[in-house]
Protein backbone atom coordinates (compact mmCIF):
# COMPACT_ATOMS: atom_id res chain seq x y z
CA MET A 1 5.88 18.05 -30.59
CA GLY A 2 4.72 16.41 -27.55
CA ARG A 3 2.74 18.00 -24.71
CA THR A 4 4.17 17.62 -21.39
CA VAL A 5 2.53 18.50 -18.03
CA VAL A 6 4.02 18.46 -14.56
CA VAL A 7 1.58 17.73 -11.70
CA ARG A 8 2.50 18.22 -8.08
CA TYR A 9 0.57 17.78 -4.81
CA ARG A 10 1.01 16.79 -1.16
CA THR A 11 -1.15 14.15 0.39
CA ARG A 12 -2.06 13.51 4.17
CA GLU A 13 0.43 11.33 5.77
CA ASP A 14 -2.03 8.74 6.41
CA ALA A 15 -2.93 8.62 2.79
CA ALA A 16 0.48 8.54 1.31
CA ALA A 17 0.44 4.61 1.14
CA GLU A 18 -2.91 4.51 -0.47
CA ASN A 19 -1.58 7.14 -3.18
CA ARG A 20 1.55 5.19 -3.60
CA ARG A 21 -0.70 1.77 -4.26
CA LEU A 22 -3.05 3.58 -6.77
CA ILE A 23 -0.03 4.86 -8.56
CA GLY A 24 1.48 1.41 -8.77
CA ASP A 25 -1.80 0.18 -10.25
CA VAL A 26 -1.51 2.71 -13.02
CA PHE A 27 2.08 1.69 -13.98
CA ALA A 28 0.81 -2.03 -13.67
CA GLN A 29 -1.83 -1.48 -16.18
CA LEU A 30 0.66 0.62 -18.68
CA ARG A 31 3.02 -2.37 -18.44
CA ARG A 32 0.26 -4.64 -19.27
CA GLU A 33 -1.21 -2.63 -22.30
CA ARG A 34 1.80 -0.72 -23.38
CA PRO A 35 0.05 2.22 -25.01
CA THR A 36 1.93 4.41 -27.47
CA GLY A 37 2.40 8.12 -27.39
CA LEU A 38 3.11 8.51 -23.50
CA ASP A 39 6.09 8.86 -21.61
CA TYR A 40 5.04 9.02 -17.88
CA THR A 41 6.94 9.26 -14.55
CA ALA A 42 5.86 9.58 -10.88
CA VAL A 43 8.02 10.22 -8.01
CA GLU A 44 7.65 10.83 -4.07
CA LEU A 45 9.81 13.40 -2.71
CA SER A 46 11.72 11.98 0.27
CA GLY A 47 9.82 12.13 3.62
CA ALA A 48 7.40 14.76 2.48
CA ALA A 49 4.16 12.76 1.30
CA GLU A 50 4.68 14.96 -1.84
CA PHE A 51 4.27 13.54 -5.26
CA VAL A 52 5.25 14.79 -8.68
CA HIS A 53 3.99 13.40 -11.92
CA LEU A 54 5.37 14.14 -15.48
CA ALA A 55 3.50 13.09 -18.45
CA THR A 56 4.36 13.69 -22.06
CA THR A 57 1.90 12.77 -24.71
CA THR A 58 2.57 12.76 -28.64
CA ASP A 59 -1.00 11.83 -29.64
CA ALA A 60 -4.41 11.79 -27.85
CA PRO A 61 -4.11 11.80 -23.99
CA VAL A 62 -3.75 8.34 -22.81
CA LEU A 63 -4.09 8.41 -19.10
CA PRO A 64 -7.70 9.31 -18.90
CA GLY A 65 -8.62 6.12 -20.70
CA LEU A 66 -6.89 3.95 -18.24
CA ASP A 67 -9.24 2.20 -15.54
CA ALA A 68 -6.39 2.42 -12.92
CA PHE A 69 -5.87 6.10 -13.54
CA GLY A 70 -9.65 6.62 -13.07
CA ARG A 71 -9.44 4.96 -9.72
CA PHE A 72 -6.45 6.94 -8.81
CA GLN A 73 -8.22 10.19 -9.59
CA ARG A 74 -11.61 9.31 -8.15
CA ASP A 75 -10.83 10.21 -4.48
CA ILE A 76 -7.88 12.38 -4.91
CA GLY A 77 -9.57 15.26 -3.18
CA ASP A 78 -9.90 13.39 0.16
CA ARG A 79 -6.29 12.43 -0.04
CA VAL A 80 -4.47 15.67 -0.77
CA VAL A 81 -3.79 18.58 1.61
CA ARG A 82 -2.21 20.86 -1.22
CA GLY A 83 -2.68 20.84 -4.89
CA PRO A 84 -2.69 19.16 -7.37
CA ASP A 85 -1.16 21.90 -9.34
CA ALA A 86 -0.58 21.22 -13.10
CA THR A 87 1.91 23.08 -15.13
CA GLU A 88 2.83 22.78 -18.94
CA ALA A 89 6.54 22.32 -19.35
CA THR A 90 9.11 22.26 -22.15
CA VAL A 91 11.29 19.28 -22.38
CA LEU A 92 15.07 20.35 -22.90
CA GLY A 93 16.51 17.07 -23.05
CA ALA A 94 15.77 13.41 -21.92
CA TYR A 95 17.82 10.10 -21.53
CA ARG A 96 16.47 6.73 -20.80
CA SER A 97 18.68 3.83 -20.09
CA VAL A 98 17.77 0.45 -21.35
CA GLY A 99 16.01 -2.28 -19.02
CA ALA A 100 18.31 -4.72 -17.32
CA ALA A 101 17.33 -7.55 -19.70
CA VAL A 102 18.69 -5.84 -22.76
CA PRO A 103 22.43 -6.12 -22.04
CA VAL A 104 22.03 -9.86 -20.90
CA ALA A 105 20.04 -10.67 -24.04
CA VAL A 106 22.54 -8.94 -26.31
CA ALA A 107 25.57 -10.65 -24.60
CA PHE A 108 23.94 -13.99 -25.01
CA VAL A 109 23.35 -13.45 -28.74
CA GLU A 110 26.84 -12.20 -29.30
CA ALA A 111 28.41 -15.04 -27.37
CA PHE A 112 26.33 -17.36 -29.64
CA GLY A 113 27.85 -15.42 -32.67
CA ARG A 114 31.42 -15.99 -31.51
CA ARG A 115 30.67 -19.57 -30.79
CA ASP A 116 31.70 -18.78 -27.31
CA LEU A 117 29.79 -21.70 -25.49
CA THR A 118 31.36 -21.13 -22.25
CA ALA A 119 29.71 -17.71 -22.23
CA VAL A 120 26.42 -18.97 -23.44
CA THR A 121 26.20 -21.75 -20.87
CA ALA A 122 27.11 -19.24 -18.03
CA LEU A 123 24.12 -17.02 -19.19
CA LEU A 124 21.63 -19.99 -19.18
CA HIS A 125 19.36 -20.59 -16.00
CA ASP A 126 19.30 -24.08 -15.04
CA ASP A 127 15.54 -24.37 -16.02
CA VAL A 128 15.87 -22.54 -19.31
CA VAL A 129 13.16 -23.11 -21.94
CA PHE A 130 14.31 -22.67 -25.71
CA GLU A 131 12.20 -22.59 -28.54
CA SER A 132 13.20 -22.23 -32.26
CA PRO A 133 11.39 -23.24 -35.59
CA ARG A 134 12.96 -26.43 -35.30
CA THR A 135 12.92 -27.60 -31.68
CA ARG A 136 11.73 -26.93 -28.22
CA LEU A 137 14.11 -27.90 -25.35
CA THR A 138 14.16 -27.45 -21.53
CA GLY A 139 17.11 -27.40 -19.20
CA ALA A 140 20.61 -25.73 -19.51
CA GLY A 141 22.37 -28.81 -20.38
CA ALA A 142 20.11 -29.58 -23.63
CA VAL A 143 19.85 -26.24 -24.59
CA ALA A 144 23.71 -25.54 -24.61
CA ALA A 145 24.21 -28.60 -26.58
CA ALA A 146 21.70 -27.69 -29.27
CA ILE A 147 23.08 -24.07 -29.43
CA GLY A 148 26.54 -25.46 -29.67
CA GLU A 149 25.54 -27.81 -32.41
CA PHE A 150 23.92 -24.86 -34.63
CA ALA A 151 26.59 -22.55 -33.65
CA ALA A 152 29.16 -24.85 -35.73
CA ALA A 153 27.44 -23.26 -38.87
CA VAL A 154 27.62 -19.72 -37.78
CA THR A 155 30.44 -17.41 -38.66
CA GLY A 156 29.09 -14.43 -36.68
CA VAL A 157 26.20 -12.11 -35.81
CA ASP A 158 25.47 -8.41 -36.28
CA VAL A 159 22.94 -6.96 -33.63
CA VAL A 160 20.58 -4.64 -35.50
CA ALA A 161 18.43 -3.42 -32.65
CA ALA A 162 17.69 -4.50 -28.95
CA TYR A 163 14.67 -3.27 -27.09
CA GLY A 164 13.07 -4.46 -23.59
CA GLY A 165 12.74 -3.94 -19.77
CA ASP A 166 13.98 -5.40 -16.78
CA ASP A 167 12.63 -8.98 -17.32
CA GLU A 168 12.33 -9.13 -21.11
CA ALA A 169 14.12 -8.04 -24.24
CA VAL A 170 13.97 -8.46 -28.03
CA VAL A 171 17.15 -8.60 -30.05
CA CYS A 172 17.08 -8.37 -33.89
CA TYR A 173 20.23 -9.30 -35.68
CA ASP A 174 21.92 -10.86 -39.04
CA MET A 175 23.10 -14.36 -38.24
CA HIS A 176 25.79 -15.22 -40.79
CA THR A 177 26.18 -18.74 -41.59
CA GLY A 178 28.22 -20.93 -43.89
CA PRO A 179 25.62 -23.08 -45.48
CA PHE A 180 22.53 -20.82 -45.19
CA GLY A 181 23.91 -17.43 -45.96
CA THR A 182 22.63 -14.51 -43.64
CA LEU A 183 19.54 -15.05 -41.72
CA ARG A 184 17.56 -12.04 -40.37
CA THR A 185 16.74 -13.46 -36.75
CA VAL A 186 14.85 -12.19 -33.59
CA ASP A 187 15.20 -13.66 -30.20
CA HIS A 188 12.57 -12.97 -27.46
CA VAL A 189 14.67 -13.35 -24.29
CA THR A 190 13.16 -13.48 -20.65
CA VAL A 191 15.82 -12.86 -17.96
CA ARG A 192 15.68 -13.62 -14.26
CA GLY A 193 18.62 -12.94 -11.92
CA GLY A 194 20.92 -12.00 -14.75
CA ARG A 195 20.47 -15.12 -16.64
CA VAL A 196 18.22 -16.49 -19.46
CA VAL A 197 15.08 -18.52 -18.32
CA ALA A 198 13.59 -18.48 -21.85
CA ASP A 199 14.57 -17.79 -25.41
CA THR A 200 12.30 -17.92 -28.42
CA VAL A 201 14.07 -17.78 -31.67
CA VAL A 202 12.26 -16.78 -35.00
CA PHE A 203 14.08 -16.73 -38.46
CA ASP A 204 13.08 -17.47 -42.01
CA THR A 205 13.30 -21.10 -42.26
CA ALA A 206 13.04 -21.15 -46.22
CA GLN A 207 16.84 -21.13 -46.45
CA VAL A 208 17.55 -23.57 -43.76
CA GLY A 209 15.09 -25.82 -45.40
CA ARG A 210 16.69 -26.18 -48.75
């Protein structure tokens, strides 16, 4: 079972912006380093310069080891006018929606599996970069043509799992083909403005090379 702590405090009005910046630095480091064993949320109550942090850890505490969190804590006594008050809590339920890039990446893979080249092309950014074990291409026209050529051998895809955030997603799927059988495949997709700007495809080339 994880340990969940809720921390609540109010800052001076003139210190709220600095507090937001320091919190932003913490989340920037978390996104860069992606430590495991931590769920962390920080919110500011509307118009109150009042902040609430909720952290759940399943292993050793993660936040104290972050440089950005150390900077956030260093002068917190000078910024706050009330608190911080920490309370242990019990999580009764939790739901987290997937990042915005995930449905775009899944739609892209599934359109490929249906050989729906119109849908595939519509999801490509003009400057898309595509890499696979066999080629590297740039530009929507060249990428769409290459995908169309390979899709002729594809009879369908079954998505196994998809993970990601707002800008990147990873889709793992079984790609069924006529000549090569079923290939377990992973796409690392980068999304901007709802379209694919980069797609790196990885699969076992042994069957394709036969």
